[in-house]
């Protein structure tokens, strides 16, 4: 439940504070958000499976965001940023949908 509450709290804080994202950071923000969502849904799945570990969640969350941002940054430096961004989105999207499917199976036994 902790990951879900963290997600809701983060969304609410973002809506209230409305932070300005620096121009240089804007290409990396969507990728970072998708990487963070992957970690959150993985955490929710782990809670439902009964093997949630807060240290693993925090490390997964931070490493997903950093690795995804570094991949996109390197792609930008090589001139193929959009292709690598698409690759990161596809891989993390598959993981997100896999975790959501496992959550659905756990909650609805279907």
PDB file of N, CA and C in Angstrom:
ATOM      1  N   UNK A   1       0.812  -1.193   0.000  1.00  0.00           N
ATOM      2  CA  UNK A   1       0.000   0.000   0.000  1.00  0.00           C
ATOM      3  C   UNK A   1       0.862   1.265   0.000  1.00  0.00           C
ATOM      4  N   UNK A   2       2.074   1.133   0.496  1.00  0.00           N
ATOM      5  CA  UNK A   2       2.972   2.283   0.568  1.00  0.00           C
ATOM      6  C   UNK A   2       3.255   2.867  -0.817  1.00  0.00           C
ATOM      7  N   UNK A   3       3.552   2.039  -1.833  1.00  0.00           N
ATOM      8  CA  UNK A   3       3.803   2.628  -3.158  1.00  0.00           C
ATOM      9  C   UNK A   3       2.599   3.370  -3.720  1.00  0.00           C
ATOM     10  N   UNK A   4       1.400   2.812  -3.520  1.00  0.00           N
ATOM     11  CA  UNK A   4       0.195   3.466  -4.038  1.00  0.00           C
ATOM     12  C   UNK A   4      -0.036   4.797  -3.328  1.00  0.00           C
ATOM     13  N   UNK A   5       0.160   4.821  -2.020  1.00  0.00           N
ATOM     14  CA  UNK A   5       0.000   6.072  -1.273  1.00  0.00           C
ATOM     15  C   UNK A   5       1.047   7.103  -1.689  1.00  0.00           C
ATOM     16  N   UNK A   6       2.275   6.636  -1.945  1.00  0.00           N
ATOM     17  CA  UNK A   6       3.326   7.535  -2.414  1.00  0.00           C
ATOM     18  C   UNK A   6       2.994   8.125  -3.773  1.00  0.00           C
ATOM     19  N   UNK A   7       2.427   7.299  -4.650  1.00  0.00           N
ATOM     20  CA  UNK A   7       2.030   7.784  -5.973  1.00  0.00           C
ATOM     21  C   UNK A   7       0.946   8.849  -5.859  1.00  0.00           C
ATOM     22  N   UNK A   8      -0.067   8.578  -5.056  1.00  0.00           N
ATOM     23  CA  UNK A   8      -1.160   9.543  -4.872  1.00  0.00           C
ATOM     24  C   UNK A   8      -0.638  10.830  -4.233  1.00  0.00           C
ATOM     25  N   UNK A   9       0.206  10.701  -3.212  1.00  0.00           N
ATOM     26  CA  UNK A   9       0.762  11.885  -2.552  1.00  0.00           C
ATOM     27  C   UNK A   9       1.607  12.706  -3.528  1.00  0.00           C
ATOM     28  N   UNK A  10       2.413  12.025  -4.342  1.00  0.00           N
ATOM     29  CA  UNK A  10       3.239  12.736  -5.328  1.00  0.00           C
ATOM     30  C   UNK A  10       2.409  13.482  -6.355  1.00  0.00           C
ATOM     31  N   UNK A  11       1.334  12.857  -6.807  1.00  0.00           N
ATOM     32  CA  UNK A  11       0.452  13.519  -7.775  1.00  0.00           C
ATOM     33  C   UNK A  11      -0.194  14.744  -7.151  1.00  0.00           C
ATOM     34  N   UNK A  12      -0.698  14.593  -5.929  1.00  0.00           N
ATOM     35  CA  UNK A  12      -1.340  15.723  -5.254  1.00  0.00           C
ATOM     36  C   UNK A  12      -0.367  16.865  -4.997  1.00  0.00           C
ATOM     37  N   UNK A  13       0.839  16.547  -4.566  1.00  0.00           N
ATOM     38  CA  UNK A  13       1.841  17.583  -4.324  1.00  0.00           C
ATOM     39  C   UNK A  13       2.182  18.294  -5.631  1.00  0.00           C
ATOM     40  N   UNK A  14       2.329  17.529  -6.708  1.00  0.00           N
ATOM     41  CA  UNK A  14       2.617  18.137  -8.004  1.00  0.00           C
ATOM     42  C   UNK A  14       1.517  19.058  -8.481  1.00  0.00           C
ATOM     43  N   UNK A  15       0.259  18.669  -8.228  1.00  0.00           N
ATOM     44  CA  UNK A  15      -0.861  19.514  -8.634  1.00  0.00           C
ATOM     45  C   UNK A  15      -0.946  20.790  -7.812  1.00  0.00           C
ATOM     46  N   UNK A  16      -0.598  20.719  -6.535  1.00  0.00           N
ATOM     47  CA  UNK A  16      -0.682  21.896  -5.665  1.00  0.00           C
ATOM     48  C   UNK A  16       0.514  22.830  -5.898  1.00  0.00           C
ATOM     49  N   UNK A  17       1.719  22.269  -5.935  1.00  0.00           N
ATOM     50  CA  UNK A  17       2.936  23.078  -6.029  1.00  0.00           C
ATOM     51  C   UNK A  17       3.162  23.595  -7.447  1.00  0.00           C
ATOM     52  N   UNK A  18       2.791  22.808  -8.462  1.00  0.00           N
ATOM     53  CA  UNK A  18       2.999  23.150  -9.871  1.00  0.00           C
ATOM     54  C   UNK A  18       4.433  23.608 -10.139  1.00  0.00           C
ATOM     55  N   UNK A  19       5.393  22.685  -9.981  1.00  0.00           N
ATOM     56  CA  UNK A  19       6.802  23.077 -10.164  1.00  0.00           C
ATOM     57  C   UNK A  19       7.120  23.386 -11.623  1.00  0.00           C
ATOM     58  N   UNK A  20       8.063  24.296 -11.818  1.00  0.00           N
ATOM     59  CA  UNK A  20       8.558  24.614 -13.159  1.00  0.00           C
ATOM     60  C   UNK A  20       9.709  23.666 -13.474  1.00  0.00           C
ATOM     61  N   UNK A  21       9.615  23.023 -14.619  1.00  0.00           N
ATOM     62  CA  UNK A  21      10.667  22.104 -15.050  1.00  0.00           C
ATOM     63  C   UNK A  21      11.622  22.877 -15.942  1.00  0.00           C
ATOM     64  N   UNK A  22      12.915  22.847 -15.613  1.00  0.00           N
ATOM     65  CA  UNK A  22      13.882  23.555 -16.468  1.00  0.00           C
ATOM     66  C   UNK A  22      13.848  23.010 -17.889  1.00  0.00           C
ATOM     67  N   UNK A  23      14.129  23.867 -18.833  1.00  0.00           N
ATOM     68  CA  UNK A  23      14.058  23.513 -20.248  1.00  0.00           C
ATOM     69  C   UNK A  23      14.980  22.338 -20.600  1.00  0.00           C
ATOM     70  N   UNK A  24      16.164  22.300 -20.012  1.00  0.00           N
ATOM     71  CA  UNK A  24      17.114  21.233 -20.326  1.00  0.00           C
ATOM     72  C   UNK A  24      16.650  19.880 -19.789  1.00  0.00           C
ATOM     73  N   UNK A  25      15.762  19.890 -18.793  1.00  0.00           N
ATOM     74  CA  UNK A  25      15.305  18.653 -18.164  1.00  0.00           C
ATOM     75  C   UNK A  25      14.029  18.107 -18.806  1.00  0.00           C
ATOM     76  N   UNK A  26      13.335  18.925 -19.574  1.00  0.00           N
ATOM     77  CA  UNK A  26      12.045  18.524 -20.134  1.00  0.00           C
ATOM     78  C   UNK A  26      12.072  17.272 -21.007  1.00  0.00           C
ATOM     79  N   UNK A  27      13.104  17.013 -21.808  1.00  0.00           N
ATOM     80  CA  UNK A  27      13.085  15.776 -22.603  1.00  0.00           C
ATOM     81  C   UNK A  27      13.196  14.505 -21.750  1.00  0.00           C
ATOM     82  N   UNK A  28      13.743  14.638 -20.550  1.00  0.00           N
ATOM     83  CA  UNK A  28      13.978  13.469 -19.701  1.00  0.00           C
ATOM     84  C   UNK A  28      12.844  13.201 -18.720  1.00  0.00           C
ATOM     85  N   UNK A  29      12.003  14.194 -18.473  1.00  0.00           N
ATOM     86  CA  UNK A  29      10.944  14.050 -17.479  1.00  0.00           C
ATOM     87  C   UNK A  29       9.935  12.958 -17.818  1.00  0.00           C
ATOM     88  N   UNK A  30       9.426  12.862 -19.047  1.00  0.00           N
ATOM     89  CA  UNK A  30       8.468  11.789 -19.334  1.00  0.00           C
ATOM     90  C   UNK A  30       9.064  10.398 -19.142  1.00  0.00           C
ATOM     91  N   UNK A  31      10.317  10.233 -19.509  1.00  0.00           N
ATOM     92  CA  UNK A  31      10.985   8.945 -19.344  1.00  0.00           C
ATOM     93  C   UNK A  31      11.154   8.641 -17.858  1.00  0.00           C
ATOM     94  N   UNK A  32      11.522   9.646 -17.076  1.00  0.00           N
ATOM     95  CA  UNK A  32      11.680   9.451 -15.634  1.00  0.00           C
ATOM     96  C   UNK A  32      10.351   9.085 -14.981  1.00  0.00           C
ATOM     97  N   UNK A  33       9.270   9.707 -15.434  1.00  0.00           N
ATOM     98  CA  UNK A  33       7.950   9.401 -14.878  1.00  0.00           C
ATOM     99  C   UNK A  33       7.558   7.964 -15.199  1.00  0.00           C
ATOM    100  N   UNK A  34       7.802   7.520 -16.415  1.00  0.00           N
ATOM    101  CA  UNK A  34       7.467   6.144 -16.782  1.00  0.00           C
ATOM    102  C   UNK A  34       8.319   5.160 -15.989  1.00  0.00           C
ATOM    103  N   UNK A  35       9.602   5.475 -15.797  1.00  0.00           N
ATOM    104  CA  UNK A  35      10.470   4.611 -14.998  1.00  0.00           C
ATOM    105  C   UNK A  35       9.996   4.555 -13.550  1.00  0.00           C
ATOM    106  N   UNK A  36       9.566   5.694 -13.021  1.00  0.00           N
ATOM    107  CA  UNK A  36       9.056   5.721 -11.655  1.00  0.00           C
ATOM    108  C   UNK A  36       7.759   4.930 -11.540  1.00  0.00           C
ATOM    109  N   UNK A  37       6.884   5.047 -12.527  1.00  0.00           N
ATOM    110  CA  UNK A  37       5.638   4.269 -12.508  1.00  0.00           C
ATOM    111  C   UNK A  37       5.915   2.772 -12.557  1.00  0.00           C
ATOM    112  N   UNK A  38       6.932   2.381 -13.303  1.00  0.00           N
ATOM    113  CA  UNK A  38       7.314   0.970 -13.330  1.00  0.00           C
ATOM    114  C   UNK A  38       7.683   0.492 -11.933  1.00  0.00           C
ATOM    115  N   UNK A  39       8.470   1.278 -11.221  1.00  0.00           N
ATOM    116  CA  UNK A  39       8.859   0.899  -9.862  1.00  0.00           C
ATOM    117  C   UNK A  39       7.652   0.875  -8.927  1.00  0.00           C
ATOM    118  N   UNK A  40       6.748   1.831  -9.069  1.00  0.00           N
ATOM    119  CA  UNK A  40       5.567   1.892  -8.197  1.00  0.00           C
ATOM    120  C   UNK A  40       4.671   0.676  -8.420  1.00  0.00           C
ATOM    121  N   UNK A  41       4.380   0.350  -9.686  1.00  0.00           N
ATOM    122  CA  UNK A  41       3.530  -0.813  -9.937  1.00  0.00           C
ATOM    123  C   UNK A  41       4.234  -2.109  -9.534  1.00  0.00           C
ATOM    124  N   UNK A  42       5.553  -2.157  -9.678  1.00  0.00           N
ATOM    125  CA  UNK A  42       6.304  -3.312  -9.180  1.00  0.00           C
ATOM    126  C   UNK A  42       6.207  -3.421  -7.668  1.00  0.00           C
ATOM    127  N   UNK A  43       6.230  -2.279  -6.984  1.00  0.00           N
ATOM    128  CA  UNK A  43       6.073  -2.277  -5.528  1.00  0.00           C
ATOM    129  C   UNK A  43       4.691  -2.728  -5.096  1.00  0.00           C
ATOM    130  N   UNK A  44       3.670  -2.277  -5.801  1.00  0.00           N
ATOM    131  CA  UNK A  44       2.301  -2.705  -5.486  1.00  0.00           C
ATOM    132  C   UNK A  44       2.170  -4.208  -5.693  1.00  0.00           C
ATOM    133  N   UNK A  45       2.746  -4.695  -6.782  1.00  0.00           N
ATOM    134  CA  UNK A  45       2.709  -6.142  -7.038  1.00  0.00           C
ATOM    135  C   UNK A  45       3.428  -6.902  -5.920  1.00  0.00           C
ATOM    136  N   UNK A  46       4.567  -6.393  -5.486  1.00  0.00           N
ATOM    137  CA  UNK A  46       5.320  -7.053  -4.418  1.00  0.00           C
ATOM    138  C   UNK A  46       4.531  -7.071  -3.112  1.00  0.00           C
ATOM    139  N   UNK A  47       3.816  -5.993  -2.815  1.00  0.00           N
ATOM    140  CA  UNK A  47       2.977  -5.956  -1.606  1.00  0.00           C
ATOM    141  C   UNK A  47       1.910  -7.036  -1.682  1.00  0.00           C
ATOM    142  N   UNK A  48       1.247  -7.124  -2.823  1.00  0.00           N
ATOM    143  CA  UNK A  48       0.186  -8.126  -2.976  1.00  0.00           C
ATOM    144  C   UNK A  48       0.733  -9.550  -2.970  1.00  0.00           C
ATOM    145  N   UNK A  49       1.959  -9.734  -3.459  1.00  0.00           N
ATOM    146  CA  UNK A  49       2.589 -11.054  -3.436  1.00  0.00           C
ATOM    147  C   UNK A  49       3.164 -11.398  -2.069  1.00  0.00           C
ATOM    148  N   UNK A  50       3.245 -10.402  -1.194  1.00  0.00           N
ATOM    149  CA  UNK A  50       3.735 -10.629   0.160  1.00  0.00           C
ATOM    150  C   UNK A  50       5.241 -10.605   0.300  1.00  0.00           C
ATOM    151  N   UNK A  51       5.948 -10.037  -0.654  1.00  0.00           N
ATOM    152  CA  UNK A  51       7.407  -9.985  -0.554  1.00  0.00           C
ATOM    153  C   UNK A  51       7.958  -8.573  -0.783  1.00  0.00           C
ATOM    154  N   UNK A  52       7.238  -7.569  -0.311  1.00  0.00           N
ATOM    155  CA  UNK A  52       7.674  -6.178  -0.467  1.00  0.00           C
ATOM    156  C   UNK A  52       8.831  -5.900   0.486  1.00  0.00           C
ATOM    157  N   UNK A  53       9.849  -5.221  -0.021  1.00  0.00           N
ATOM    158  CA  UNK A  53      10.983  -4.793   0.783  1.00  0.00           C
ATOM    159  C   UNK A  53      11.213  -3.321   0.469  1.00  0.00           C
ATOM    160  N   UNK A  54      11.152  -2.492   1.494  1.00  0.00           N
ATOM    161  CA  UNK A  54      11.249  -1.054   1.254  1.00  0.00           C
ATOM    162  C   UNK A  54      12.598  -0.641   0.675  1.00  0.00           C
ATOM    163  N   UNK A  55      13.668  -1.293   1.072  1.00  0.00           N
ATOM    164  CA  UNK A  55      14.981  -0.955   0.517  1.00  0.00           C
ATOM    165  C   UNK A  55      15.052  -1.305  -0.967  1.00  0.00           C
ATOM    166  N   UNK A  56      14.525  -2.459  -1.321  1.00  0.00           N
ATOM    167  CA  UNK A  56      14.503  -2.863  -2.730  1.00  0.00           C
ATOM    168  C   UNK A  56      13.659  -1.886  -3.534  1.00  0.00           C
ATOM    169  N   UNK A  57      12.529  -1.444  -2.971  1.00  0.00           N
ATOM    170  CA  UNK A  57      11.666  -0.497  -3.674  1.00  0.00           C
ATOM    171  C   UNK A  57      12.389   0.826  -3.939  1.00  0.00           C
ATOM    172  N   UNK A  58      13.041   1.361  -2.923  1.00  0.00           N
ATOM    173  CA  UNK A  58      13.722   2.655  -3.084  1.00  0.00           C
ATOM    174  C   UNK A  58      14.862   2.536  -4.098  1.00  0.00           C
ATOM    175  N   UNK A  59      15.646   1.469  -3.999  1.00  0.00           N
ATOM    176  CA  UNK A  59      16.748   1.282  -4.946  1.00  0.00           C
ATOM    177  C   UNK A  59      16.208   1.087  -6.358  1.00  0.00           C
ATOM    178  N   UNK A  60      15.142   0.303  -6.498  1.00  0.00           N
ATOM    179  CA  UNK A  60      14.526   0.089  -7.809  1.00  0.00           C
ATOM    180  C   UNK A  60      14.000   1.397  -8.380  1.00  0.00           C
ATOM    181  N   UNK A  61      13.319   2.175  -7.561  1.00  0.00           N
ATOM    182  CA  UNK A  61      12.761   3.450  -7.985  1.00  0.00           C
ATOM    183  C   UNK A  61      13.858   4.373  -8.500  1.00  0.00           C
ATOM    184  N   UNK A  62      14.881   4.570  -7.691  1.00  0.00           N
ATOM    185  CA  UNK A  62      15.951   5.501  -8.062  1.00  0.00           C
ATOM    186  C   UNK A  62      16.761   4.980  -9.255  1.00  0.00           C
ATOM    187  N   UNK A  63      17.083   3.699  -9.258  1.00  0.00           N
ATOM    188  CA  UNK A  63      17.894   3.177 -10.359  1.00  0.00           C
ATOM    189  C   UNK A  63      17.119   3.177 -11.671  1.00  0.00           C
ATOM    190  N   UNK A  64      15.814   2.883 -11.638  1.00  0.00           N
ATOM    191  CA  UNK A  64      15.009   2.946 -12.864  1.00  0.00           C
ATOM    192  C   UNK A  64      15.046   4.347 -13.463  1.00  0.00           C
ATOM    193  N   UNK A  65      14.843   5.339 -12.625  1.00  0.00           N
ATOM    194  CA  UNK A  65      14.812   6.725 -13.102  1.00  0.00           C
ATOM    195  C   UNK A  65      16.175   7.139 -13.648  1.00  0.00           C
ATOM    196  N   UNK A  66      17.232   6.827 -12.914  1.00  0.00           N
ATOM    197  CA  UNK A  66      18.574   7.241 -13.342  1.00  0.00           C
ATOM    198  C   UNK A  66      18.987   6.517 -14.620  1.00  0.00           C
ATOM    199  N   UNK A  67      18.780   5.209 -14.677  1.00  0.00           N
ATOM    200  CA  UNK A  67      19.190   4.449 -15.861  1.00  0.00           C
ATOM    201  C   UNK A  67      18.408   4.905 -17.096  1.00  0.00           C
ATOM    202  N   UNK A  68      17.106   5.095 -16.950  1.00  0.00           N
ATOM    203  CA  UNK A  68      16.304   5.549 -18.085  1.00  0.00           C
ATOM    204  C   UNK A  68      16.770   6.927 -18.560  1.00  0.00           C
ATOM    205  N   UNK A  69      17.037   7.835 -17.635  1.00  0.00           N
ATOM    206  CA  UNK A  69      17.495   9.175 -18.011  1.00  0.00           C
ATOM    207  C   UNK A  69      18.867   9.119 -18.674  1.00  0.00           C
ATOM    208  N   UNK A  70      19.754   8.279 -18.169  1.00  0.00           N
ATOM    209  CA  UNK A  70      21.092   8.158 -18.757  1.00  0.00           C
ATOM    210  C   UNK A  70      21.000   7.589 -20.176  1.00  0.00           C
ATOM    211  N   UNK A  71      20.142   6.595 -20.379  1.00  0.00           N
ATOM    212  CA  UNK A  71      19.984   6.026 -21.722  1.00  0.00           C
ATOM    213  C   UNK A  71      19.509   7.097 -22.704  1.00  0.00           C
ATOM    214  N   UNK A  72      18.535   7.883 -22.291  1.00  0.00           N
ATOM    215  CA  UNK A  72      18.016   8.937 -23.176  1.00  0.00           C
ATOM    216  C   UNK A  72      19.068  10.026 -23.379  1.00  0.00           C
ATOM    217  N   UNK A  73      19.799  10.375 -22.332  1.00  0.00           N
ATOM    218  CA  UNK A  73      20.867  11.375 -22.459  1.00  0.00           C
ATOM    219  C   UNK A  73      21.927  10.902 -23.450  1.00  0.00           C
ATOM    220  N   UNK A  74      22.354   9.638 -23.321  1.00  0.00           N
ATOM    221  CA  UNK A  74      23.345   9.106 -24.257  1.00  0.00           C
ATOM    222  C   UNK A  74      22.800   9.085 -25.680  1.00  0.00           C
ATOM    223  N   UNK A  75      21.520   8.760 -25.814  1.00  0.00           N
ATOM    224  CA  UNK A  75      20.900   8.793 -27.129  1.00  0.00           C
ATOM    225  C   UNK A  75      20.902  10.187 -27.718  1.00  0.00           C
ATOM    226  N   UNK A  76      20.643  11.192 -26.881  1.00  0.00           N
ATOM    227  CA  UNK A  76      20.697  12.582 -27.352  1.00  0.00           C
ATOM    228  C   UNK A  76      22.109  12.951 -27.807  1.00  0.00           C
ATOM    229  N   UNK A  77      23.096  12.504 -27.059  1.00  0.00           N
ATOM    230  CA  UNK A  77      24.485  12.807 -27.409  1.00  0.00           C
ATOM    231  C   UNK A  77      24.894  12.133 -28.713  1.00  0.00           C
ATOM    232  N   UNK A  78      24.322  10.960 -28.980  1.00  0.00           N
ATOM    233  CA  UNK A  78      24.638  10.226 -30.203  1.00  0.00           C
ATOM    234  C   UNK A  78      23.743  10.614 -31.376  1.00  0.00           C
ATOM    235  N   UNK A  79      22.732  11.438 -31.120  1.00  0.00           N
ATOM    236  CA  UNK A  79      21.824  11.870 -32.166  1.00  0.00           C
ATOM    237  C   UNK A  79      20.667  10.917 -32.421  1.00  0.00           C
ATOM    238  N   UNK A  80      20.455   9.968 -31.530  1.00  0.00           N
ATOM    239  CA  UNK A  80      19.357   9.002 -31.680  1.00  0.00           C
ATOM    240  C   UNK A  80      18.482   9.000 -30.429  1.00  0.00           C
ATOM    241  N   UNK A  81      18.314  10.152 -29.835  1.00  0.00           N
ATOM    242  CA  UNK A  81      17.568  10.265 -28.579  1.00  0.00           C
ATOM    243  C   UNK A  81      16.136   9.802 -28.682  1.00  0.00           C
ATOM    244  N   UNK A  82      15.465  10.145 -29.781  1.00  0.00           N
ATOM    245  CA  UNK A  82      14.060   9.770 -29.899  1.00  0.00           C
ATOM    246  C   UNK A  82      13.896   8.257 -30.042  1.00  0.00           C
ATOM    247  N   UNK A  83      14.821   7.612 -30.727  1.00  0.00           N
ATOM    248  CA  UNK A  83      14.739   6.164 -30.884  1.00  0.00           C
ATOM    249  C   UNK A  83      14.984   5.458 -29.552  1.00  0.00           C
ATOM    250  N   UNK A  84      15.964   5.928 -28.811  1.00  0.00           N
ATOM    251  CA  UNK A  84      16.217   5.312 -27.510  1.00  0.00           C
ATOM    252  C   UNK A  84      15.097   5.630 -26.530  1.00  0.00           C
ATOM    253  N   UNK A  85      14.514   6.814 -26.618  1.00  0.00           N
ATOM    254  CA  UNK A  85      13.365   7.141 -25.766  1.00  0.00           C
ATOM    255  C   UNK A  85      12.215   6.184 -26.044  1.00  0.00           C
ATOM    256  N   UNK A  86      11.972   5.921 -27.317  1.00  0.00           N
ATOM    257  CA  UNK A  86      10.915   4.985 -27.694  1.00  0.00           C
ATOM    258  C   UNK A  86      11.213   3.600 -27.150  1.00  0.00           C
ATOM    259  N   UNK A  87      12.461   3.177 -27.244  1.00  0.00           N
ATOM    260  CA  UNK A  87      12.847   1.873 -26.708  1.00  0.00           C
ATOM    261  C   UNK A  87      12.624   1.772 -25.210  1.00  0.00           C
ATOM    262  N   UNK A  88      13.003   2.813 -24.477  1.00  0.00           N
ATOM    263  CA  UNK A  88      12.814   2.826 -23.029  1.00  0.00           C
ATOM    264  C   UNK A  88      11.323   2.785 -22.694  1.00  0.00           C
ATOM    265  N   UNK A  89      10.519   3.557 -23.409  1.00  0.00           N
ATOM    266  CA  UNK A  89       9.079   3.577 -23.166  1.00  0.00           C
ATOM    267  C   UNK A  89       8.463   2.206 -23.438  1.00  0.00           C
ATOM    268  N   UNK A  90       8.889   1.558 -24.514  1.00  0.00           N
ATOM    269  CA  UNK A  90       8.341   0.233 -24.843  1.00  0.00           C
ATOM    270  C   UNK A  90       8.708  -0.778 -23.763  1.00  0.00           C
ATOM    271  N   UNK A  91       9.968  -0.830 -23.375  1.00  0.00           N
ATOM    272  CA  UNK A  91      10.401  -1.810 -22.373  1.00  0.00           C
ATOM    273  C   UNK A  91       9.707  -1.567 -21.035  1.00  0.00           C
ATOM    274  N   UNK A  92       9.707  -0.328 -20.583  1.00  0.00           N
ATOM    275  CA  UNK A  92       9.068  -0.049 -19.297  1.00  0.00           C
ATOM    276  C   UNK A  92       7.554  -0.190 -19.390  1.00  0.00           C
ATOM    277  N   UNK A  93       6.976   0.131 -20.550  1.00  0.00           N
ATOM    278  CA  UNK A  93       5.538  -0.061 -20.738  1.00  0.00           C
ATOM    279  C   UNK A  93       5.145  -1.518 -20.628  1.00  0.00           C
ATOM    280  N   UNK A  94       5.940  -2.391 -21.223  1.00  0.00           N
ATOM    281  CA  UNK A  94       5.667  -3.825 -21.122  1.00  0.00           C
ATOM    282  C   UNK A  94       5.736  -4.269 -19.664  1.00  0.00           C
ATOM    283  N   UNK A  95       6.732  -3.786 -18.942  1.00  0.00           N
ATOM    284  CA  UNK A  95       6.854  -4.148 -17.518  1.00  0.00           C
ATOM    285  C   UNK A  95       5.669  -3.612 -16.707  1.00  0.00           C
ATOM    286  N   UNK A  96       5.251  -2.383 -17.003  1.00  0.00           N
ATOM    287  CA  UNK A  96       4.109  -1.808 -16.285  1.00  0.00           C
ATOM    288  C   UNK A  96       2.857  -2.639 -16.533  1.00  0.00           C
ATOM    289  N   UNK A  97       2.574  -2.960 -17.793  1.00  0.00           N
ATOM    290  CA  UNK A  97       1.381  -3.740 -18.096  1.00  0.00           C
ATOM    291  C   UNK A  97       1.468  -5.150 -17.518  1.00  0.00           C
ATOM    292  N   UNK A  98       2.652  -5.710 -17.456  1.00  0.00           N
ATOM    293  CA  UNK A  98       2.832  -7.027 -16.841  1.00  0.00           C
ATOM    294  C   UNK A  98       2.517  -6.956 -15.346  1.00  0.00           C
ATOM    295  N   UNK A  99       3.010  -5.919 -14.689  1.00  0.00           N
ATOM    296  CA  UNK A  99       2.721  -5.754 -13.258  1.00  0.00           C
ATOM    297  C   UNK A  99       1.244  -5.485 -13.013  1.00  0.00           C
ATOM    298  N   UNK A 100       0.630  -4.667 -13.864  1.00  0.00           N
ATOM    299  CA  UNK A 100      -0.803  -4.381 -13.714  1.00  0.00           C
ATOM    300  C   UNK A 100      -1.622  -5.652 -13.916  1.00  0.00           C
ATOM    301  N   UNK A 101      -1.219  -6.481 -14.875  1.00  0.00           N
ATOM    302  CA  UNK A 101      -1.925  -7.747 -15.086  1.00  0.00           C
ATOM    303  C   UNK A 101      -1.802  -8.653 -13.866  1.00  0.00           C
ATOM    304  N   UNK A 102      -0.623  -8.702 -13.263  1.00  0.00           N
ATOM    305  CA  UNK A 102      -0.439  -9.509 -12.059  1.00  0.00           C
ATOM    306  C   UNK A 102      -1.258  -8.953 -10.893  1.00  0.00           C
ATOM    307  N   UNK A 103      -1.337  -7.638 -10.793  1.00  0.00           N
ATOM    308  CA  UNK A 103      -2.153  -7.015  -9.743  1.00  0.00           C
ATOM    309  C   UNK A 103      -3.626  -7.355  -9.957  1.00  0.00           C
ATOM    310  N   UNK A 104      -4.066  -7.251 -11.194  1.00  0.00           N
ATOM    311  CA  UNK A 104      -5.457  -7.587 -11.521  1.00  0.00           C
ATOM    312  C   UNK A 104      -5.755  -9.043 -11.195  1.00  0.00           C
ATOM    313  N   UNK A 105      -4.869  -9.946 -11.569  1.00  0.00           N
ATOM    314  CA  UNK A 105      -5.075 -11.372 -11.279  1.00  0.00           C
ATOM    315  C   UNK A 105      -5.146 -11.604  -9.768  1.00  0.00           C
ATOM    316  N   UNK A 106      -4.296 -10.894  -9.034  1.00  0.00           N
ATOM    317  CA  UNK A 106      -4.286 -11.072  -7.576  1.00  0.00           C
ATOM    318  C   UNK A 106      -5.573 -10.529  -6.938  1.00  0.00           C
ATOM    319  N   UNK A 107      -6.019  -9.375  -7.392  1.00  0.00           N
ATOM    320  CA  UNK A 107      -7.190  -8.743  -6.781  1.00  0.00           C
ATOM    321  C   UNK A 107      -8.506  -9.408  -7.179  1.00  0.00           C
ATOM    322  N   UNK A 108      -8.616  -9.785  -8.454  1.00  0.00           N
ATOM    323  CA  UNK A 108      -9.890 -10.312  -8.960  1.00  0.00           C
ATOM    324  C   UNK A 108      -9.868 -11.811  -9.228  1.00  0.00           C
ATOM    325  N   UNK A 109      -8.731 -12.447  -8.960  1.00  0.00           N
ATOM    326  CA  UNK A 109      -8.584 -13.890  -9.158  1.00  0.00           C
ATOM    327  C   UNK A 109      -9.006 -14.301 -10.572  1.00  0.00           C
ATOM    328  N   UNK A 110      -8.657 -13.430 -11.524  1.00  0.00           N
ATOM    329  CA  UNK A 110      -9.024 -13.726 -12.926  1.00  0.00           C
ATOM    330  C   UNK A 110      -7.873 -13.413 -13.844  1.00  0.00           C
TER     331      UNK A 110
END
